[in-house]
Amino acid sequence: SKAKGTAAETAVVRFLREAGFTQAERRTLNGVQDRGDIAGIPGVVIEV
């Protein structure tokens, strides 16, 4: 399950970078203060 999630997050980051969002990257888990799976797009939280 974790491997599927990581693969999907990586695919979304790759897609965003190719679309011009070059700062997009996977974000590490933060527990109850989690801030989404993808970072690097200011003002936007993406949960994959």
ModelCIF file with pLDDT and N, C-alpha, C, O atoms, coordinates in Angstrom:
data_MODEL
#
_entry.id   MODEL 
#
_entity.id                         1 
_entity.type                       polymer 
_entity.pdbx_number_of_molecules   1 
#
_entity_poly.entity_id                      1 
_entity_poly.type                           'polypeptide(L)' 
_entity_poly.nstd_linkage                   no 
_entity_poly.nstd_monomer                   no 
_entity_poly.pdbx_seq_one_letter_code       SKAKGTAAETAVVRFLREAGFTQAERRTLNGVQDRGDIAGIPGVVIEV 
_entity_poly.pdbx_seq_one_letter_code_can   SKAKGTAAETAVVRFLREAGFTQAERRTLNGVQDRGDIAGIPGVVIEV 
_entity_poly.pdbx_strand_id                 A 
#
loop_
_entity_poly_seq.entity_id 
_entity_poly_seq.num 
_entity_poly_seq.mon_id 
_entity_poly_seq.hetero 
1 1  SER n 
1 2  LYS n 
1 3  ALA n 
1 4  LYS n 
1 5  GLY n 
1 6  THR n 
1 7  ALA n 
1 8  ALA n 
1 9  GLU n 
1 10 THR n 
1 11 ALA n 
1 12 VAL n 
1 13 VAL n 
1 14 ARG n 
1 15 PHE n 
1 16 LEU n 
1 17 ARG n 
1 18 GLU n 
1 19 ALA n 
1 20 GLY n 
1 21 PHE n 
1 22 THR n 
1 23 GLN n 
1 24 ALA n 
1 25 GLU n 
1 26 ARG n 
1 27 ARG n 
1 28 THR n 
1 29 LEU n 
1 30 ASN n 
1 31 GLY n 
1 32 VAL n 
1 33 GLN n 
1 34 ASP n 
1 35 ARG n 
1 36 GLY n 
1 37 ASP n 
1 38 ILE n 
1 39 ALA n 
1 40 GLY n 
1 41 ILE n 
1 42 PRO n 
1 43 GLY n 
1 44 VAL n 
1 45 VAL n 
1 46 ILE n 
1 47 GLU n 
1 48 VAL n 
#
_struct_asym.id          A 
_struct_asym.entity_id   1 
#
loop_
_ma_qa_metric.id 
_ma_qa_metric.mode 
_ma_qa_metric.name 
_ma_qa_metric.software_group_id 
_ma_qa_metric.type 
1 global pLDDT . pLDDT 
2 local  pLDDT . pLDDT 
#
_ma_qa_metric_global.metric_id      1 
_ma_qa_metric_global.metric_value   90.73 
_ma_qa_metric_global.model_id       1 
_ma_qa_metric_global.ordinal_id     1 
#
loop_
_ma_qa_metric_local.label_asym_id 
_ma_qa_metric_local.label_comp_id 
_ma_qa_metric_local.label_seq_id 
_ma_qa_metric_local.metric_id 
_ma_qa_metric_local.metric_value 
_ma_qa_metric_local.model_id 
_ma_qa_metric_local.ordinal_id 
A SER 1  2 82.00 1 1  
A LYS 2  2 85.00 1 2  
A ALA 3  2 88.00 1 3  
A LYS 4  2 90.00 1 4  
A GLY 5  2 89.00 1 5  
A THR 6  2 92.00 1 6  
A ALA 7  2 94.00 1 7  
A ALA 8  2 95.00 1 8  
A GLU 9  2 95.00 1 9  
A THR 10 2 95.00 1 10 
A ALA 11 2 97.00 1 11 
A VAL 12 2 97.00 1 12 
A VAL 13 2 97.00 1 13 
A ARG 14 2 97.00 1 14 
A PHE 15 2 97.00 1 15 
A LEU 16 2 97.00 1 16 
A ARG 17 2 97.00 1 17 
A GLU 18 2 97.00 1 18 
A ALA 19 2 96.00 1 19 
A GLY 20 2 96.00 1 20 
A PHE 21 2 96.00 1 21 
A THR 22 2 95.00 1 22 
A GLN 23 2 96.00 1 23 
A ALA 24 2 96.00 1 24 
A GLU 25 2 95.00 1 25 
A ARG 26 2 94.00 1 26 
A ARG 27 2 89.00 1 27 
A THR 28 2 78.00 1 28 
A LEU 29 2 71.00 1 29 
A ASN 30 2 66.00 1 30 
A GLY 31 2 67.00 1 31 
A VAL 32 2 67.00 1 32 
A GLN 33 2 78.00 1 33 
A ASP 34 2 85.00 1 34 
A ARG 35 2 90.00 1 35 
A GLY 36 2 91.00 1 36 
A ASP 37 2 94.00 1 37 
A ILE 38 2 95.00 1 38 
A ALA 39 2 92.00 1 39 
A GLY 40 2 94.00 1 40 
A ILE 41 2 94.00 1 41 
A PRO 42 2 93.00 1 42 
A GLY 43 2 91.00 1 43 
A VAL 44 2 94.00 1 44 
A VAL 45 2 94.00 1 45 
A ILE 46 2 96.00 1 46 
A GLU 47 2 95.00 1 47 
A VAL 48 2 96.00 1 48 
#
loop_
_atom_site.group_PDB 
_atom_site.id 
_atom_site.type_symbol 
_atom_site.label_atom_id 
_atom_site.label_alt_id 
_atom_site.label_comp_id 
_atom_site.label_asym_id 
_atom_site.label_entity_id 
_atom_site.label_seq_id 
_atom_site.pdbx_PDB_ins_code 
_atom_site.Cartn_x 
_atom_site.Cartn_y 
_atom_site.Cartn_z 
_atom_site.occupancy 
_atom_site.B_iso_or_equiv 
_atom_site.pdbx_formal_charge 
_atom_site.auth_seq_id 
_atom_site.auth_comp_id 
_atom_site.auth_asym_id 
_atom_site.auth_atom_id 
_atom_site.pdbx_PDB_model_num 
ATOM 1   N N  . SER A 1 1  ? 0.828  -1.207 0.000   1.00 82.00 ? 1  SER A N  1 
ATOM 2   C CA . SER A 1 1  ? 0.000  0.000  0.000   1.00 82.00 ? 1  SER A CA 1 
ATOM 3   C C  . SER A 1 1  ? 0.866  1.263  0.000   1.00 82.00 ? 1  SER A C  1 
ATOM 4   O O  . SER A 1 1  ? 0.598  2.214  -0.734  1.00 82.00 ? 1  SER A O  1 
ATOM 5   N N  . LYS A 1 2  ? 1.905  1.254  0.833   1.00 85.00 ? 2  LYS A N  1 
ATOM 6   C CA . LYS A 1 2  ? 2.821  2.408  0.913   1.00 85.00 ? 2  LYS A CA 1 
ATOM 7   C C  . LYS A 1 2  ? 3.564  2.577  -0.414  1.00 85.00 ? 2  LYS A C  1 
ATOM 8   O O  . LYS A 1 2  ? 3.763  3.701  -0.874  1.00 85.00 ? 2  LYS A O  1 
ATOM 9   N N  . ALA A 1 3  ? 3.971  1.475  -1.022  1.00 88.00 ? 3  ALA A N  1 
ATOM 10  C CA . ALA A 1 3  ? 4.679  1.537  -2.302  1.00 88.00 ? 3  ALA A CA 1 
ATOM 11  C C  . ALA A 1 3  ? 3.775  2.109  -3.397  1.00 88.00 ? 3  ALA A C  1 
ATOM 12  O O  . ALA A 1 3  ? 4.230  2.891  -4.232  1.00 88.00 ? 3  ALA A O  1 
ATOM 13  N N  . LYS A 1 4  ? 2.483  1.717  -3.394  1.00 90.00 ? 4  LYS A N  1 
ATOM 14  C CA . LYS A 1 4  ? 1.543  2.280  -4.366  1.00 90.00 ? 4  LYS A CA 1 
ATOM 15  C C  . LYS A 1 4  ? 1.404  3.782  -4.177  1.00 90.00 ? 4  LYS A C  1 
ATOM 16  O O  . LYS A 1 4  ? 1.389  4.538  -5.148  1.00 90.00 ? 4  LYS A O  1 
ATOM 17  N N  . GLY A 1 5  ? 1.302  4.211  -2.925  1.00 89.00 ? 5  GLY A N  1 
ATOM 18  C CA . GLY A 1 5  ? 1.171  5.630  -2.628  1.00 89.00 ? 5  GLY A CA 1 
ATOM 19  C C  . GLY A 1 5  ? 2.396  6.413  -3.054  1.00 89.00 ? 5  GLY A C  1 
ATOM 20  O O  . GLY A 1 5  ? 2.275  7.484  -3.648  1.00 89.00 ? 5  GLY A O  1 
ATOM 21  N N  . THR A 1 6  ? 3.571  5.890  -2.757  1.00 92.00 ? 6  THR A N  1 
ATOM 22  C CA . THR A 1 6  ? 4.826  6.552  -3.136  1.00 92.00 ? 6  THR A CA 1 
ATOM 23  C C  . THR A 1 6  ? 4.942  6.660  -4.652  1.00 92.00 ? 6  THR A C  1 
ATOM 24  O O  . THR A 1 6  ? 5.356  7.694  -5.175  1.00 92.00 ? 6  THR A O  1 
ATOM 25  N N  . ALA A 1 7  ? 4.577  5.589  -5.359  1.00 94.00 ? 7  ALA A N  1 
ATOM 26  C CA . ALA A 1 7  ? 4.641  5.604  -6.821  1.00 94.00 ? 7  ALA A CA 1 
ATOM 27  C C  . ALA A 1 7  ? 3.684  6.652  -7.396  1.00 94.00 ? 7  ALA A C  1 
ATOM 28  O O  . ALA A 1 7  ? 4.037  7.357  -8.342  1.00 94.00 ? 7  ALA A O  1 
ATOM 29  N N  . ALA A 1 8  ? 2.485  6.759  -6.835  1.00 95.00 ? 8  ALA A N  1 
ATOM 30  C CA . ALA A 1 8  ? 1.512  7.749  -7.318  1.00 95.00 ? 8  ALA A CA 1 
ATOM 31  C C  . ALA A 1 8  ? 2.012  9.163  -7.047  1.00 95.00 ? 8  ALA A C  1 
ATOM 32  O O  . ALA A 1 8  ? 1.920  10.029 -7.917  1.00 95.00 ? 8  ALA A O  1 
ATOM 33  N N  . GLU A 1 9  ? 2.541  9.406  -5.846  1.00 95.00 ? 9  GLU A N  1 
ATOM 34  C CA . GLU A 1 9  ? 3.076  10.731 -5.513  1.00 95.00 ? 9  GLU A CA 1 
ATOM 35  C C  . GLU A 1 9  ? 4.211  11.108 -6.457  1.00 95.00 ? 9  GLU A C  1 
ATOM 36  O O  . GLU A 1 9  ? 4.278  12.239 -6.938  1.00 95.00 ? 9  GLU A O  1 
ATOM 37  N N  . THR A 1 10 ? 5.100  10.159 -6.718  1.00 95.00 ? 10 THR A N  1 
ATOM 38  C CA . THR A 1 10 ? 6.228  10.399 -7.623  1.00 95.00 ? 10 THR A CA 1 
ATOM 39  C C  . THR A 1 10 ? 5.727  10.720 -9.027  1.00 95.00 ? 10 THR A C  1 
ATOM 40  O O  . THR A 1 10 ? 6.267  11.608 -9.688  1.00 95.00 ? 10 THR A O  1 
ATOM 41  N N  . ALA A 1 11 ? 4.705  10.012 -9.487  1.00 97.00 ? 11 ALA A N  1 
ATOM 42  C CA . ALA A 1 11 ? 4.151  10.259 -10.818 1.00 97.00 ? 11 ALA A CA 1 
ATOM 43  C C  . ALA A 1 11 ? 3.536  11.652 -10.904 1.00 97.00 ? 11 ALA A C  1 
ATOM 44  O O  . ALA A 1 11 ? 3.689  12.334 -11.918 1.00 97.00 ? 11 ALA A O  1 
ATOM 45  N N  . VAL A 1 12 ? 2.840  12.081 -9.848  1.00 97.00 ? 12 VAL A N  1 
ATOM 46  C CA . VAL A 1 12 ? 2.232  13.417 -9.834  1.00 97.00 ? 12 VAL A CA 1 
ATOM 47  C C  . VAL A 1 12 ? 3.321  14.485 -9.835  1.00 97.00 ? 12 VAL A C  1 
ATOM 48  O O  . VAL A 1 12 ? 3.215  15.475 -10.559 1.00 97.00 ? 12 VAL A O  1 
ATOM 49  N N  . VAL A 1 13 ? 4.357  14.296 -9.036  1.00 97.00 ? 13 VAL A N  1 
ATOM 50  C CA . VAL A 1 13 ? 5.466  15.266 -9.017  1.00 97.00 ? 13 VAL A CA 1 
ATOM 51  C C  . VAL A 1 13 ? 6.093  15.374 -10.405 1.00 97.00 ? 13 VAL A C  1 
ATOM 52  O O  . VAL A 1 13 ? 6.331  16.479 -10.894 1.00 97.00 ? 13 VAL A O  1 
ATOM 53  N N  . ARG A 1 14 ? 6.359  14.248 -11.034 1.00 97.00 ? 14 ARG A N  1 
ATOM 54  C CA . ARG A 1 14 ? 6.951  14.245 -12.382 1.00 97.00 ? 14 ARG A CA 1 
ATOM 55  C C  . ARG A 1 14 ? 6.034  14.987 -13.358 1.00 97.00 ? 14 ARG A C  1 
ATOM 56  O O  . ARG A 1 14 ? 6.506  15.792 -14.161 1.00 97.00 ? 14 ARG A O  1 
ATOM 57  N N  . PHE A 1 15 ? 4.735  14.721 -13.292 1.00 97.00 ? 15 PHE A N  1 
ATOM 58  C CA . PHE A 1 15 ? 3.763  15.387 -14.173 1.00 97.00 ? 15 PHE A CA 1 
ATOM 59  C C  . PHE A 1 15 ? 3.782  16.902 -13.941 1.00 97.00 ? 15 PHE A C  1 
ATOM 60  O O  . PHE A 1 15 ? 3.826  17.678 -14.895 1.00 97.00 ? 15 PHE A O  1 
ATOM 61  N N  . LEU A 1 16 ? 3.748  17.315 -12.681 1.00 97.00 ? 16 LEU A N  1 
ATOM 62  C CA . LEU A 1 16 ? 3.751  18.752 -12.368 1.00 97.00 ? 16 LEU A CA 1 
ATOM 63  C C  . LEU A 1 16 ? 5.023  19.432 -12.844 1.00 97.00 ? 16 LEU A C  1 
ATOM 64  O O  . LEU A 1 16 ? 4.976  20.539 -13.380 1.00 97.00 ? 16 LEU A O  1 
ATOM 65  N N  . ARG A 1 17 ? 6.158  18.775 -12.651 1.00 97.00 ? 17 ARG A N  1 
ATOM 66  C CA . ARG A 1 17 ? 7.424  19.364 -13.121 1.00 97.00 ? 17 ARG A CA 1 
ATOM 67  C C  . ARG A 1 17 ? 7.422  19.535 -14.633 1.00 97.00 ? 17 ARG A C  1 
ATOM 68  O O  . ARG A 1 17 ? 7.868  20.560 -15.147 1.00 97.00 ? 17 ARG A O  1 
ATOM 69  N N  . GLU A 1 18 ? 6.923  18.536 -15.339 1.00 97.00 ? 18 GLU A N  1 
ATOM 70  C CA . GLU A 1 18 ? 6.849  18.628 -16.801 1.00 97.00 ? 18 GLU A CA 1 
ATOM 71  C C  . GLU A 1 18 ? 5.865  19.711 -17.241 1.00 97.00 ? 18 GLU A C  1 
ATOM 72  O O  . GLU A 1 18 ? 5.981  20.244 -18.345 1.00 97.00 ? 18 GLU A O  1 
ATOM 73  N N  . ALA A 1 19 ? 4.895  20.039 -16.378 1.00 96.00 ? 19 ALA A N  1 
ATOM 74  C CA . ALA A 1 19 ? 3.903  21.073 -16.679 1.00 96.00 ? 19 ALA A CA 1 
ATOM 75  C C  . ALA A 1 19 ? 4.402  22.462 -16.282 1.00 96.00 ? 19 ALA A C  1 
ATOM 76  O O  . ALA A 1 19 ? 3.671  23.444 -16.411 1.00 96.00 ? 19 ALA A O  1 
ATOM 77  N N  . GLY A 1 20 ? 5.651  22.546 -15.798 1.00 96.00 ? 20 GLY A N  1 
ATOM 78  C CA . GLY A 1 20 ? 6.232  23.843 -15.476 1.00 96.00 ? 20 GLY A CA 1 
ATOM 79  C C  . GLY A 1 20 ? 6.341  24.155 -13.995 1.00 96.00 ? 20 GLY A C  1 
ATOM 80  O O  . GLY A 1 20 ? 6.888  25.195 -13.628 1.00 96.00 ? 20 GLY A O  1 
ATOM 81  N N  . PHE A 1 21 ? 5.837  23.287 -13.141 1.00 96.00 ? 21 PHE A N  1 
ATOM 82  C CA . PHE A 1 21 ? 5.939  23.495 -11.695 1.00 96.00 ? 21 PHE A CA 1 
ATOM 83  C C  . PHE A 1 21 ? 7.213  22.809 -11.199 1.00 96.00 ? 21 PHE A C  1 
ATOM 84  O O  . PHE A 1 21 ? 7.167  21.766 -10.546 1.00 96.00 ? 21 PHE A O  1 
ATOM 85  N N  . THR A 1 22 ? 8.344  23.423 -11.527 1.00 95.00 ? 22 THR A N  1 
ATOM 86  C CA . THR A 1 22 ? 9.653  22.796 -11.330 1.00 95.00 ? 22 THR A CA 1 
ATOM 87  C C  . THR A 1 22 ? 10.022 22.599 -9.861  1.00 95.00 ? 22 THR A C  1 
ATOM 88  O O  . THR A 1 22 ? 10.914 21.810 -9.552  1.00 95.00 ? 22 THR A O  1 
ATOM 89  N N  . GLN A 1 23 ? 9.352  23.302 -8.958  1.00 96.00 ? 23 GLN A N  1 
ATOM 90  C CA . GLN A 1 23 ? 9.662  23.173 -7.532  1.00 96.00 ? 23 GLN A CA 1 
ATOM 91  C C  . GLN A 1 23 ? 8.860  22.062 -6.842  1.00 96.00 ? 23 GLN A C  1 
ATOM 92  O O  . GLN A 1 23 ? 9.063  21.794 -5.658  1.00 96.00 ? 23 GLN A O  1 
ATOM 93  N N  . ALA A 1 24 ? 7.957  21.423 -7.576  1.00 96.00 ? 24 ALA A N  1 
ATOM 94  C CA . ALA A 1 24 ? 7.122  20.372 -6.979  1.00 96.00 ? 24 ALA A CA 1 
ATOM 95  C C  . ALA A 1 24 ? 8.000  19.235 -6.476  1.00 96.00 ? 24 ALA A C  1 
ATOM 96  O O  . ALA A 1 24 ? 8.944  18.817 -7.146  1.00 96.00 ? 24 ALA A O  1 
ATOM 97  N N  . GLU A 1 25 ? 7.671  18.737 -5.273  1.00 95.00 ? 25 GLU A N  1 
ATOM 98  C CA . GLU A 1 25 ? 8.411  17.615 -4.688  1.00 95.00 ? 25 GLU A CA 1 
ATOM 99  C C  . GLU A 1 25 ? 7.537  16.894 -3.676  1.00 95.00 ? 25 GLU A C  1 
ATOM 100 O O  . GLU A 1 25 ? 6.571  17.449 -3.151  1.00 95.00 ? 25 GLU A O  1 
ATOM 101 N N  . ARG A 1 26 ? 7.897  15.653 -3.416  1.00 94.00 ? 26 ARG A N  1 
ATOM 102 C CA . ARG A 1 26 ? 7.184  14.890 -2.397  1.00 94.00 ? 26 ARG A CA 1 
ATOM 103 C C  . ARG A 1 26 ? 7.524  15.469 -1.034  1.00 94.00 ? 26 ARG A C  1 
ATOM 104 O O  . ARG A 1 26 ? 8.653  15.892 -0.786  1.00 94.00 ? 26 ARG A O  1 
ATOM 105 N N  . ARG A 1 27 ? 6.542  15.482 -0.166  1.00 89.00 ? 27 ARG A N  1 
ATOM 106 C CA . ARG A 1 27 ? 6.724  16.015 1.184   1.00 89.00 ? 27 ARG A CA 1 
ATOM 107 C C  . ARG A 1 27 ? 6.751  14.848 2.166   1.00 89.00 ? 27 ARG A C  1 
ATOM 108 O O  . ARG A 1 27 ? 6.032  13.864 1.994   1.00 89.00 ? 27 ARG A O  1 
ATOM 109 N N  . THR A 1 28 ? 7.583  14.966 3.191   1.00 78.00 ? 28 THR A N  1 
ATOM 110 C CA . THR A 1 28 ? 7.638  13.916 4.210   1.00 78.00 ? 28 THR A CA 1 
ATOM 111 C C  . THR A 1 28 ? 6.422  14.021 5.119   1.00 78.00 ? 28 THR A C  1 
ATOM 112 O O  . THR A 1 28 ? 5.830  15.091 5.255   1.00 78.00 ? 28 THR A O  1 
ATOM 113 N N  . LEU A 1 29 ? 6.057  12.919 5.732   1.00 71.00 ? 29 LEU A N  1 
ATOM 114 C CA . LEU A 1 29 ? 4.907  12.878 6.632   1.00 71.00 ? 29 LEU A CA 1 
ATOM 115 C C  . LEU A 1 29 ? 5.171  13.735 7.866   1.00 71.00 ? 29 LEU A C  1 
ATOM 116 O O  . LEU A 1 29 ? 6.295  13.812 8.361   1.00 71.00 ? 29 LEU A O  1 
ATOM 117 N N  . ASN A 1 30 ? 4.113  14.374 8.348   1.00 66.00 ? 30 ASN A N  1 
ATOM 118 C CA . ASN A 1 30 ? 4.218  15.208 9.544   1.00 66.00 ? 30 ASN A CA 1 
ATOM 119 C C  . ASN A 1 30 ? 3.202  14.810 10.602  1.00 66.00 ? 30 ASN A C  1 
ATOM 120 O O  . ASN A 1 30 ? 2.858  15.635 11.448  1.00 66.00 ? 30 ASN A O  1 
ATOM 121 N N  . GLY A 1 31 ? 2.714  13.588 10.586  1.00 67.00 ? 31 GLY A N  1 
ATOM 122 C CA . GLY A 1 31 ? 1.758  13.122 11.597  1.00 67.00 ? 31 GLY A CA 1 
ATOM 123 C C  . GLY A 1 31 ? 0.463  13.900 11.563  1.00 67.00 ? 31 GLY A C  1 
ATOM 124 O O  . GLY A 1 31 ? -0.085 14.149 10.489  1.00 67.00 ? 31 GLY A O  1 
ATOM 125 N N  . VAL A 1 32 ? -0.044 14.295 12.750  1.00 67.00 ? 32 VAL A N  1 
ATOM 126 C CA . VAL A 1 32 ? -1.316 15.008 12.825  1.00 67.00 ? 32 VAL A CA 1 
ATOM 127 C C  . VAL A 1 32 ? -1.232 16.394 12.207  1.00 67.00 ? 32 VAL A C  1 
ATOM 128 O O  . VAL A 1 32 ? -2.259 16.981 11.867  1.00 67.00 ? 32 VAL A O  1 
ATOM 129 N N  . GLN A 1 33 ? -0.028 16.924 12.056  1.00 78.00 ? 33 GLN A N  1 
ATOM 130 C CA . GLN A 1 33 ? 0.161  18.233 11.426  1.00 78.00 ? 33 GLN A CA 1 
ATOM 131 C C  . GLN A 1 33 ? 0.561  18.092 9.960   1.00 78.00 ? 33 GLN A C  1 
ATOM 132 O O  . GLN A 1 33 ? 1.209  18.975 9.397   1.00 78.00 ? 33 GLN A O  1 
ATOM 133 N N  . ASP A 1 34 ? 0.169  16.972 9.347   1.00 85.00 ? 34 ASP A N  1 
ATOM 134 C CA . ASP A 1 34 ? 0.494  16.715 7.941   1.00 85.00 ? 34 ASP A CA 1 
ATOM 135 C C  . ASP A 1 34 ? 0.034  17.888 7.083   1.00 85.00 ? 34 ASP A C  1 
ATOM 136 O O  . ASP A 1 34 ? -1.001 18.498 7.349   1.00 85.00 ? 34 ASP A O  1 
ATOM 137 N N  . ARG A 1 35 ? 0.816  18.194 6.048   1.00 90.00 ? 35 ARG A N  1 
ATOM 138 C CA . ARG A 1 35 ? 0.529  19.332 5.176   1.00 90.00 ? 35 ARG A CA 1 
ATOM 139 C C  . ARG A 1 35 ? 0.445  18.897 3.714   1.00 90.00 ? 35 ARG A C  1 
ATOM 140 O O  . ARG A 1 35 ? 0.796  19.657 2.811   1.00 90.00 ? 35 ARG A O  1 
ATOM 141 N N  . GLY A 1 36 ? -0.026 17.659 3.486   1.00 91.00 ? 36 GLY A N  1 
ATOM 142 C CA . GLY A 1 36 ? -0.202 17.167 2.127   1.00 91.00 ? 36 GLY A CA 1 
ATOM 143 C C  . GLY A 1 36 ? 0.979  16.357 1.646   1.00 91.00 ? 36 GLY A C  1 
ATOM 144 O O  . GLY A 1 36 ? 2.003  16.256 2.322   1.00 91.00 ? 36 GLY A O  1 
ATOM 145 N N  . ASP A 1 37 ? 0.822  15.776 0.461   1.00 94.00 ? 37 ASP A N  1 
ATOM 146 C CA . ASP A 1 37 ? 1.847  14.892 -0.103  1.00 94.00 ? 37 ASP A CA 1 
ATOM 147 C C  . ASP A 1 37 ? 2.822  15.596 -1.026  1.00 94.00 ? 37 ASP A C  1 
ATOM 148 O O  . ASP A 1 37 ? 3.958  15.153 -1.191  1.00 94.00 ? 37 ASP A O  1 
ATOM 149 N N  . ILE A 1 38 ? 2.378  16.702 -1.634  1.00 95.00 ? 38 ILE A N  1 
ATOM 150 C CA . ILE A 1 38 ? 3.212  17.401 -2.616  1.00 95.00 ? 38 ILE A CA 1 
ATOM 151 C C  . ILE A 1 38 ? 3.482  18.811 -2.115  1.00 95.00 ? 38 ILE A C  1 
ATOM 152 O O  . ILE A 1 38 ? 2.555  19.523 -1.728  1.00 95.00 ? 38 ILE A O  1 
ATOM 153 N N  . ALA A 1 39 ? 4.737  19.212 -2.120  1.00 92.00 ? 39 ALA A N  1 
ATOM 154 C CA . ALA A 1 39 ? 5.145  20.567 -1.727  1.00 92.00 ? 39 ALA A CA 1 
ATOM 155 C C  . ALA A 1 39 ? 5.701  21.286 -2.953  1.00 92.00 ? 39 ALA A C  1 
ATOM 156 O O  . ALA A 1 39 ? 5.902  20.681 -4.007  1.00 92.00 ? 39 ALA A O  1 
ATOM 157 N N  . GLY A 1 40 ? 5.946  22.582 -2.799  1.00 94.00 ? 40 GLY A N  1 
ATOM 158 C CA . GLY A 1 40 ? 6.615  23.340 -3.844  1.00 94.00 ? 40 GLY A CA 1 
ATOM 159 C C  . GLY A 1 40 ? 5.699  24.188 -4.702  1.00 94.00 ? 40 GLY A C  1 
ATOM 160 O O  . GLY A 1 40 ? 6.163  24.858 -5.625  1.00 94.00 ? 40 GLY A O  1 
ATOM 161 N N  . ILE A 1 41 ? 4.403  24.172 -4.414  1.00 94.00 ? 41 ILE A N  1 
ATOM 162 C CA . ILE A 1 41 ? 3.459  25.047 -5.111  1.00 94.00 ? 41 ILE A CA 1 
ATOM 163 C C  . ILE A 1 41 ? 2.820  25.910 -4.024  1.00 94.00 ? 41 ILE A C  1 
ATOM 164 O O  . ILE A 1 41 ? 1.874  25.481 -3.363  1.00 94.00 ? 41 ILE A O  1 
ATOM 165 N N  . PRO A 1 42 ? 3.337  27.130 -3.838  1.00 93.00 ? 42 PRO A N  1 
ATOM 166 C CA . PRO A 1 42 ? 2.875  27.978 -2.730  1.00 93.00 ? 42 PRO A CA 1 
ATOM 167 C C  . PRO A 1 42 ? 1.358  28.166 -2.716  1.00 93.00 ? 42 PRO A C  1 
ATOM 168 O O  . PRO A 1 42 ? 0.734  28.436 -3.742  1.00 93.00 ? 42 PRO A O  1 
ATOM 169 N N  . GLY A 1 43 ? 0.788  28.014 -1.518  1.00 91.00 ? 43 GLY A N  1 
ATOM 170 C CA . GLY A 1 43 ? -0.638 28.224 -1.338  1.00 91.00 ? 43 GLY A CA 1 
ATOM 171 C C  . GLY A 1 43 ? -1.512 27.049 -1.709  1.00 91.00 ? 43 GLY A C  1 
ATOM 172 O O  . GLY A 1 43 ? -2.737 27.136 -1.627  1.00 91.00 ? 43 GLY A O  1 
ATOM 173 N N  . VAL A 1 44 ? -0.890 25.929 -2.122  1.00 94.00 ? 44 VAL A N  1 
ATOM 174 C CA . VAL A 1 44 ? -1.658 24.763 -2.573  1.00 94.00 ? 44 VAL A CA 1 
ATOM 175 C C  . VAL A 1 44 ? -1.192 23.518 -1.822  1.00 94.00 ? 44 VAL A C  1 
ATOM 176 O O  . VAL A 1 44 ? 0.006  23.257 -1.710  1.00 94.00 ? 44 VAL A O  1 
ATOM 177 N N  . VAL A 1 45 ? -2.150 22.761 -1.315  1.00 94.00 ? 45 VAL A N  1 
ATOM 178 C CA . VAL A 1 45 ? -1.881 21.466 -0.687  1.00 94.00 ? 45 VAL A CA 1 
ATOM 179 C C  . VAL A 1 45 ? -2.482 20.396 -1.581  1.00 94.00 ? 45 VAL A C  1 
ATOM 180 O O  . VAL A 1 45 ? -3.652 20.470 -1.955  1.00 94.00 ? 45 VAL A O  1 
ATOM 181 N N  . ILE A 1 46 ? -1.672 19.401 -1.920  1.00 96.00 ? 46 ILE A N  1 
ATOM 182 C CA . ILE A 1 46 ? -2.132 18.294 -2.769  1.00 96.00 ? 46 ILE A CA 1 
ATOM 183 C C  . ILE A 1 46 ? -1.986 16.993 -1.996  1.00 96.00 ? 46 ILE A C  1 
ATOM 184 O O  . ILE A 1 46 ? -0.896 16.632 -1.554  1.00 96.00 ? 46 ILE A O  1 
ATOM 185 N N  . GLU A 1 47 ? -3.092 16.305 -1.843  1.00 95.00 ? 47 GLU A N  1 
ATOM 186 C CA . GLU A 1 47 ? -3.127 14.986 -1.230  1.00 95.00 ? 47 GLU A CA 1 
ATOM 187 C C  . GLU A 1 47 ? -3.307 13.987 -2.366  1.00 95.00 ? 47 GLU A C  1 
ATOM 188 O O  . GLU A 1 47 ? -4.272 14.087 -3.124  1.00 95.00 ? 47 GLU A O  1 
ATOM 189 N N  . VAL A 1 48 ? -2.393 13.026 -2.498  1.00 96.00 ? 48 VAL A N  1 
ATOM 190 C CA . VAL A 1 48 ? -2.439 12.060 -3.600  1.00 96.00 ? 48 VAL A CA 1 
ATOM 191 C C  . VAL A 1 48 ? -2.984 10.734 -3.088  1.00 96.00 ? 48 VAL A C  1 
ATOM 192 O O  . VAL A 1 48 ? -3.107 9.779  -3.855  1.00 96.00 ? 48 VAL A O  1 
#
